[in-house]
């Protein structure tokens, strides 16, 4: 056999091996309950917090486990998937001059200065409503500006 023929035969054999190796499908990774694998899934999956929102999302795709139809992530972009109807209900809105939105819950301040105590602000997501910055609790536990406190 000529050297060119041998080189051609070796090249064709190598190409066949590479093509064969590429064409074998890789097994999909195992996903948790109520999820399936996607090679090109959205980078902005729905969750209980954004299930009803219109989300501006990158066109980039990501590979990973995604919720089955009718399910959303309980929170964030991964973790357990729950039926949309089983998402926790959002809390009721806070009363006037109250919020849940600050990063840290400030120490409560009262119109009655005797109730004001030393405390450490808590930096956890609040579950309960509390006075917005600059407001204090009056004697009925309503949030008012200090200038609107009842006169003694």
Protein backbone atom coordinates (compact mmCIF):
# COMPACT_ATOMS: atom_id res chain seq x y z
CA UNK A 1 0.00 0.00 0.00
CA UNK A 2 1.21 3.47 -0.77
CA UNK A 3 1.87 5.93 2.04
CA UNK A 4 -0.88 8.28 0.76
CA UNK A 5 -3.42 5.43 0.82
CA UNK A 6 -2.40 4.46 4.35
CA UNK A 7 -2.70 8.08 5.49
CA UNK A 8 -6.13 8.37 3.87
CA UNK A 9 -7.29 5.11 5.47
CA UNK A 10 -6.05 6.22 8.93
CA UNK A 11 -7.72 9.62 8.52
CA UNK A 12 -11.04 8.07 7.53
CA UNK A 13 -10.87 5.66 10.46
CA UNK A 14 -10.19 8.50 12.90
CA UNK A 15 -13.07 10.55 11.45
CA UNK A 16 -15.43 7.56 11.80
CA UNK A 17 -14.44 7.09 15.45
CA UNK A 18 -14.99 10.81 16.21
CA UNK A 19 -18.37 10.90 14.45
CA UNK A 20 -19.48 7.70 16.20
CA UNK A 21 -18.48 9.05 19.60
CA UNK A 22 -20.37 12.31 19.01
CA UNK A 23 -23.54 10.66 17.77
CA UNK A 24 -24.02 8.53 20.89
CA UNK A 25 -26.61 10.36 23.00
CA UNK A 26 -25.48 11.15 26.50
CA UNK A 27 -27.92 10.07 29.16
CA UNK A 28 -29.87 13.00 30.58
CA UNK A 29 -29.08 13.85 34.19
CA UNK A 30 -31.70 12.74 36.72
CA UNK A 31 -33.96 15.55 37.90
CA UNK A 32 -36.00 15.75 41.11
CA UNK A 33 -39.74 15.08 41.29
CA UNK A 34 -41.92 17.29 39.02
CA UNK A 35 -38.87 18.34 36.96
CA UNK A 36 -37.29 17.41 33.65
CA UNK A 37 -33.95 18.07 31.96
CA UNK A 38 -33.55 20.75 29.28
CA UNK A 39 -30.34 21.39 27.34
CA UNK A 40 -31.59 24.86 26.38
CA UNK A 41 -33.84 26.09 29.15
CA UNK A 42 -34.67 29.66 30.08
CA UNK A 43 -32.20 31.59 32.21
CA UNK A 44 -35.22 33.13 34.03
CA UNK A 45 -37.51 30.31 35.18
CA UNK A 46 -40.82 31.08 36.88
CA UNK A 47 -41.17 30.71 40.64
CA UNK A 48 -43.86 31.45 43.25
CA UNK A 49 -42.68 35.06 43.54
CA UNK A 50 -42.67 35.88 39.81
CA UNK A 51 -45.26 33.43 38.45
CA UNK A 52 -47.61 36.18 37.30
CA UNK A 53 -44.98 38.72 36.23
CA UNK A 54 -43.79 39.54 32.74
CA UNK A 55 -40.04 39.04 32.99
CA UNK A 56 -37.45 40.62 30.74
CA UNK A 57 -34.96 37.83 30.31
CA UNK A 58 -31.79 37.26 28.36
CA UNK A 59 -32.09 35.14 25.23
CA UNK A 60 -29.22 33.01 26.55
CA UNK A 61 -30.18 29.49 27.49
CA UNK A 62 -28.94 27.23 30.25
CA UNK A 63 -28.90 23.49 30.73
CA UNK A 64 -30.50 22.11 33.85
CA UNK A 65 -33.56 20.75 35.58
CA UNK A 66 -36.76 22.72 34.99
CA UNK A 67 -40.25 22.44 36.40
CA UNK A 68 -42.82 20.34 34.55
CA UNK A 69 -45.84 22.08 33.00
CA UNK A 70 -48.15 23.49 35.68
CA UNK A 71 -45.32 23.69 38.24
CA UNK A 72 -42.96 26.52 39.25
CA UNK A 73 -39.92 26.67 41.50
CA UNK A 74 -40.93 27.34 45.08
CA UNK A 75 -38.38 30.16 45.15
CA UNK A 76 -35.40 31.30 43.12
CA UNK A 77 -34.12 29.47 40.05
CA UNK A 78 -33.82 25.95 41.45
CA UNK A 79 -35.02 23.73 44.25
CA UNK A 80 -38.36 22.00 44.63
CA UNK A 81 -41.15 22.59 42.11
CA UNK A 82 -44.70 23.09 43.37
CA UNK A 83 -48.06 23.32 41.66
CA UNK A 84 -48.82 26.96 40.92
CA UNK A 85 -51.97 26.72 43.06
CA UNK A 86 -49.82 25.58 46.02
CA UNK A 87 -47.61 28.68 46.03
CA UNK A 88 -47.85 30.57 49.32
CA UNK A 89 -50.26 33.48 49.20
CA UNK A 90 -48.60 36.90 49.32
CA UNK A 91 -49.05 38.72 52.62
CA UNK A 92 -51.75 41.36 52.95
CA UNK A 93 -50.60 44.94 52.34
CA UNK A 94 -49.28 46.83 55.34
CA UNK A 95 -51.38 49.58 56.98
CA UNK A 96 -50.62 53.24 56.32
CA UNK A 97 -47.04 54.35 57.15
CA UNK A 98 -45.93 50.74 57.68
CA UNK A 99 -43.75 48.46 55.55
CA UNK A 100 -41.99 45.09 55.28
CA UNK A 101 -39.51 46.33 52.70
CA UNK A 102 -36.43 47.57 54.57
CA UNK A 103 -33.33 45.38 54.69
CA UNK A 104 -33.14 45.62 58.46
CA UNK A 105 -35.98 46.03 60.90
CA UNK A 106 -35.19 49.16 62.87
CA UNK A 107 -35.62 49.26 66.61
CA UNK A 108 -39.22 50.31 67.23
CA UNK A 109 -39.67 53.86 68.48
CA UNK A 110 -42.72 55.09 70.36
CA UNK A 111 -44.38 58.42 71.04
CA UNK A 112 -44.17 57.46 74.72
CA UNK A 113 -40.41 57.62 75.23
CA UNK A 114 -40.66 55.35 78.30
CA UNK A 115 -41.40 52.46 75.91
CA UNK A 116 -38.25 53.09 73.86
CA UNK A 117 -35.67 50.50 74.82
CA UNK A 118 -32.18 49.68 73.68
CA UNK A 119 -32.27 47.01 70.98
CA UNK A 120 -30.29 45.67 68.07
CA UNK A 121 -31.76 46.07 64.59
CA UNK A 122 -32.59 42.69 63.02
CA UNK A 123 -31.37 42.15 59.48
CA UNK A 124 -33.68 39.40 58.31
CA UNK A 125 -36.59 39.56 55.88
CA UNK A 126 -39.48 40.78 58.04
CA UNK A 127 -42.77 38.89 58.12
CA UNK A 128 -44.71 41.50 60.04
CA UNK A 129 -45.34 45.13 59.16
CA UNK A 130 -43.48 47.83 61.09
CA UNK A 131 -43.16 51.60 60.96
CA UNK A 132 -41.41 53.14 57.98
CA UNK A 133 -38.22 55.09 58.68
CA UNK A 134 -38.98 58.38 60.40
CA UNK A 135 -42.27 57.14 61.92
CA UNK A 136 -43.02 56.06 65.50
CA UNK A 137 -45.78 54.03 67.16
CA UNK A 138 -48.49 56.06 68.85
CA UNK A 139 -50.51 54.83 71.84
CA UNK A 140 -52.83 52.88 69.47
CA UNK A 141 -49.91 51.10 67.71
CA UNK A 142 -50.40 53.21 64.58
CA UNK A 143 -47.36 54.70 62.84
CA UNK A 144 -47.24 58.50 62.92
CA UNK A 145 -44.64 61.19 62.44
CA UNK A 146 -43.12 62.26 65.77
CA UNK A 147 -44.70 65.72 65.34
CA UNK A 148 -48.12 64.03 65.28
CA UNK A 149 -47.67 62.23 68.59
CA UNK A 150 -50.39 62.99 71.13
CA UNK A 151 -49.43 65.78 73.49
CA UNK A 152 -48.80 64.75 77.09
